[in-house]
Amino acid sequence: MVMAGRRFGISQAGSTMVEMAIAMPLLLTLLLGFVDFGYAFYQWNAANKAVQTGARLAQISTPVASGLASEGRTPSDSLDVGNAVPAGTYDYICTANTAGTVSCVCGTGSCIDLTANQTSFDAIYNGSGSRAGMHSFLPTLKKSEVRVQYTASGLGYWTRPNGPVPTITVSITNHPFQFFFLGGLLGFGNITMPSMLSTVTGEDMKSTFP
């Protein structure tokens, strides 16, 4: 009886399964965490490419801010004809609501016309023809997360035949990183991605989208 008790006390039968039952959830969580954070890094790179693409499309297309075409055409002082348009003279900021409808507001400086060109905004977001848009690189991107800004850069001059030379900034705001495995296993919520942007100097604005 004593020997049987000793054998029972030192027996390790089944200990491997107990250790596995303890270790497996930890290892599985660690593995899936690597997968999720790898996917988050992919989303970051995709968003970075999206803003670069959006800025380039905005640089060569009809402005989302319709009033931009008239900026720099007529100075308040006729003696300024041929002089540089001062930085900060105008500042158009165009965003979309949750329904995807774009509108523009005036930041610093003054703005001639706050009418927004929905077609141009949609083309920057979706692309046009053979050109990929922002959404092509980041499929989870919503229109309401895209911001297009045209600011007087100090380049160009009053009455320039081809129009103003703005600084164009395209940014993504309030876009969440998405977690699939950790969200289900540990209840992780989506984390808002830090805002990212791409800034370029405007070229001669086209009358139509390329």
Protein backbone atom coordinates (compact mmCIF):
# COMPACT_ATOMS: atom_id res chain seq x y z
CA MET A 1 0.00 0.00 0.00
CA VAL A 2 2.88 2.30 0.90
CA MET A 3 4.70 1.44 -2.32
CA ALA A 4 1.59 2.15 -4.34
CA GLY A 5 1.26 5.57 -2.70
CA ARG A 6 4.88 6.37 -3.49
CA ARG A 7 4.44 5.38 -7.12
CA PHE A 8 1.38 7.58 -7.34
CA GLY A 9 3.28 10.54 -5.83
CA ILE A 10 6.17 10.34 -8.25
CA SER A 11 4.18 9.38 -11.31
CA GLN A 12 4.45 11.95 -14.17
CA ALA A 13 1.89 10.36 -16.43
CA GLY A 14 -0.21 13.13 -18.06
CA SER A 15 2.09 15.97 -16.96
CA THR A 16 3.04 16.70 -20.56
CA MET A 17 -0.58 17.27 -21.46
CA VAL A 18 -1.04 19.58 -18.49
CA GLU A 19 2.04 21.60 -19.48
CA MET A 20 0.81 21.74 -23.06
CA ALA A 21 -2.62 22.93 -21.92
CA ILE A 22 -0.94 25.79 -20.05
CA ALA A 23 1.60 26.71 -22.72
CA MET A 24 -0.51 26.41 -25.86
CA PRO A 25 -2.80 29.43 -25.23
CA LEU A 26 0.23 31.59 -24.51
CA LEU A 27 2.09 30.41 -27.60
CA LEU A 28 -1.01 30.75 -29.76
CA THR A 29 -1.67 34.28 -28.52
CA LEU A 30 1.97 35.21 -29.19
CA LEU A 31 1.87 33.76 -32.70
CA LEU A 32 -1.41 35.41 -33.64
CA GLY A 33 -0.16 38.66 -32.11
CA PHE A 34 2.80 38.60 -34.50
CA VAL A 35 0.40 38.04 -37.40
CA ASP A 36 -1.87 40.91 -36.34
CA PHE A 37 0.92 43.41 -35.76
CA GLY A 38 2.49 42.36 -39.06
CA TYR A 39 -0.82 43.16 -40.72
CA ALA A 40 -0.93 46.51 -38.90
CA PHE A 41 2.53 47.31 -40.32
CA TYR A 42 1.21 46.40 -43.77
CA GLN A 43 -1.73 48.78 -43.28
CA TRP A 44 0.70 51.55 -42.29
CA ASN A 45 2.74 51.07 -45.46
CA ALA A 46 -0.41 50.90 -47.58
CA ALA A 47 -1.71 54.15 -46.08
CA ASN A 48 1.63 55.82 -46.74
CA LYS A 49 1.47 54.77 -50.39
CA ALA A 50 -2.16 55.93 -50.56
CA VAL A 51 -1.36 59.51 -49.47
CA GLN A 52 1.56 59.69 -51.91
CA THR A 53 -0.72 58.56 -54.73
CA GLY A 54 -3.47 60.97 -53.66
CA ALA A 55 -1.05 63.89 -53.58
CA ARG A 56 0.25 63.10 -57.04
CA LEU A 57 -3.26 62.81 -58.47
CA ALA A 58 -4.28 66.09 -56.81
CA GLN A 59 -1.14 67.70 -58.23
CA ILE A 60 -2.02 67.05 -61.87
CA SER A 61 -5.81 67.23 -61.86
CA THR A 62 -8.67 69.66 -61.59
CA PRO A 63 -8.62 71.04 -58.01
CA VAL A 64 -11.21 69.72 -55.59
CA ALA A 65 -11.56 73.35 -54.45
CA SER A 66 -13.18 75.05 -57.45
CA GLY A 67 -12.21 78.52 -56.23
CA LEU A 68 -8.51 77.71 -56.52
CA ALA A 69 -8.60 78.31 -60.27
CA SER A 70 -9.35 82.00 -59.68
CA GLU A 71 -6.71 82.57 -57.00
CA GLY A 72 -3.86 84.80 -58.11
CA ARG A 73 -5.72 86.07 -61.15
CA THR A 74 -6.46 89.60 -59.97
CA PRO A 75 -4.48 91.31 -57.19
CA SER A 76 -6.19 93.86 -54.99
CA ASP A 77 -3.43 96.30 -55.92
CA SER A 78 -2.71 96.59 -59.64
CA LEU A 79 0.92 97.33 -58.81
CA ASP A 80 1.27 93.72 -57.62
CA VAL A 81 0.84 92.32 -61.14
CA GLY A 82 3.84 90.06 -61.76
CA ASN A 83 4.80 89.94 -58.07
CA ALA A 84 4.79 86.69 -56.10
CA VAL A 85 1.52 85.67 -54.51
CA PRO A 86 2.32 85.76 -50.75
CA ALA A 87 2.29 82.52 -48.80
CA GLY A 88 -0.92 82.04 -46.86
CA THR A 89 -3.04 84.18 -49.21
CA TYR A 90 -5.53 81.31 -49.52
CA ASP A 91 -6.06 77.99 -47.78
CA TYR A 92 -8.72 75.55 -49.02
CA ILE A 93 -9.40 72.43 -46.93
CA CYS A 94 -11.64 69.80 -48.53
CA THR A 95 -13.08 66.78 -46.74
CA ALA A 96 -15.99 64.38 -47.18
CA ASN A 97 -18.74 63.45 -44.75
CA THR A 98 -19.71 59.87 -43.87
CA ALA A 99 -21.87 59.72 -47.00
CA GLY A 100 -18.85 60.62 -49.15
CA THR A 101 -20.05 64.11 -50.12
CA VAL A 102 -17.14 66.54 -50.29
CA SER A 103 -17.14 70.14 -49.09
CA CYS A 104 -14.46 72.79 -48.67
CA VAL A 105 -13.79 75.31 -45.93
CA CYS A 106 -11.33 78.17 -45.70
CA GLY A 107 -8.43 77.86 -43.29
CA THR A 108 -6.05 80.78 -42.87
CA GLY A 109 -6.14 83.62 -45.38
CA SER A 110 -9.17 84.15 -47.60
CA CYS A 111 -10.93 82.03 -50.21
CA ILE A 112 -12.78 83.15 -53.33
CA ASP A 113 -15.21 80.25 -53.74
CA LEU A 114 -15.79 77.27 -51.44
CA THR A 115 -17.57 75.15 -54.05
CA ALA A 116 -16.20 71.59 -54.07
CA ASN A 117 -15.65 69.42 -57.14
CA GLN A 118 -17.02 65.97 -56.22
CA THR A 119 -15.72 64.37 -59.42
CA SER A 120 -12.13 65.37 -58.69
CA PHE A 121 -12.34 64.18 -55.09
CA ASP A 122 -13.81 60.84 -56.17
CA ALA A 123 -11.08 60.40 -58.78
CA ILE A 124 -8.37 61.01 -56.18
CA TYR A 125 -10.02 58.46 -53.93
CA ASN A 126 -10.96 55.84 -56.54
CA GLY A 127 -8.51 56.58 -59.35
CA SER A 128 -9.45 57.18 -62.96
CA GLY A 129 -8.80 55.16 -66.08
CA SER A 130 -5.51 53.33 -65.69
CA ARG A 131 -4.51 55.39 -62.64
CA ALA A 132 -4.95 53.76 -59.25
CA GLY A 133 -6.49 55.88 -56.52
CA MET A 134 -6.00 55.98 -52.76
CA HIS A 135 -8.62 53.30 -52.19
CA SER A 136 -6.73 50.93 -54.48
CA PHE A 137 -3.80 50.86 -52.04
CA LEU A 138 -5.84 50.92 -48.83
CA PRO A 139 -9.17 49.13 -49.43
CA THR A 140 -10.41 49.85 -45.89
CA LEU A 141 -10.04 53.61 -46.42
CA LYS A 142 -13.24 55.65 -46.22
CA LYS A 143 -13.82 58.92 -48.07
CA SER A 144 -14.48 60.67 -44.77
CA GLU A 145 -10.89 59.86 -43.73
CA VAL A 146 -9.35 61.74 -46.70
CA ARG A 147 -8.35 65.41 -46.46
CA VAL A 148 -7.13 67.51 -49.41
CA GLN A 149 -5.66 70.97 -48.71
CA TYR A 150 -4.50 73.69 -51.10
CA THR A 151 -2.39 76.44 -49.53
CA ALA A 152 -0.65 79.45 -51.07
CA SER A 153 3.01 78.46 -51.11
CA GLY A 154 4.63 81.80 -51.98
CA LEU A 155 5.41 80.46 -55.45
CA GLY A 156 3.79 81.70 -58.63
CA TYR A 157 2.88 85.30 -59.34
CA TRP A 158 -0.22 87.47 -59.74
CA THR A 159 -1.98 87.01 -63.11
CA ARG A 160 0.06 83.88 -63.90
CA PRO A 161 -1.57 82.48 -67.10
CA ASN A 162 -1.63 78.87 -65.87
CA GLY A 163 -3.08 79.75 -62.50
CA PRO A 164 -1.75 79.52 -58.94
CA VAL A 165 1.04 77.28 -57.63
CA PRO A 166 -0.31 75.92 -54.34
CA THR A 167 1.16 73.56 -51.82
CA ILE A 168 -1.08 70.48 -51.92
CA THR A 169 -1.34 68.24 -48.87
CA VAL A 170 -3.28 65.00 -48.94
CA SER A 171 -3.71 63.27 -45.60
CA ILE A 172 -5.48 60.34 -43.97
CA THR A 173 -7.05 60.98 -40.58
CA ASN A 174 -8.87 58.79 -38.04
CA HIS A 175 -8.19 55.57 -39.92
CA PRO A 176 -8.10 52.52 -37.60
CA PHE A 177 -5.64 49.66 -37.50
CA GLN A 178 -7.70 46.49 -37.64
CA PHE A 179 -6.94 43.49 -35.43
CA PHE A 180 -8.56 40.19 -36.37
CA PHE A 181 -7.15 37.52 -34.07
CA LEU A 182 -6.36 39.64 -31.02
CA GLY A 183 -9.74 41.30 -31.30
CA GLY A 184 -11.46 37.92 -31.02
CA LEU A 185 -9.14 36.34 -28.45
CA LEU A 186 -8.41 39.22 -26.12
CA GLY A 187 -11.08 41.74 -27.03
CA PHE A 188 -8.63 44.25 -28.52
CA GLY A 189 -10.43 47.21 -30.08
CA ASN A 190 -9.20 48.91 -33.25
CA ILE A 191 -6.44 51.47 -32.68
CA THR A 192 -6.56 54.78 -34.57
CA MET A 193 -3.66 55.13 -36.96
CA PRO A 194 -1.60 58.31 -36.46
CA SER A 195 -2.45 60.84 -39.17
CA MET A 196 -0.17 60.69 -42.17
CA LEU A 197 0.23 63.06 -45.07
CA SER A 198 2.05 63.75 -48.29
CA THR A 199 2.82 67.27 -49.51
CA VAL A 200 3.70 68.32 -53.04
CA THR A 201 3.95 71.58 -54.97
CA GLY A 202 1.15 72.05 -57.48
CA GLU A 203 1.83 71.88 -61.17
CA ASP A 204 -0.31 73.55 -63.82
CA MET A 205 -3.81 72.45 -62.90
CA LYS A 206 -5.68 70.53 -65.59
CA SER A 207 -9.17 71.45 -66.72
CA THR A 208 -10.18 67.78 -66.53
CA PHE A 209 -9.01 64.79 -64.56
CA PRO A 210 -6.30 62.79 -66.40
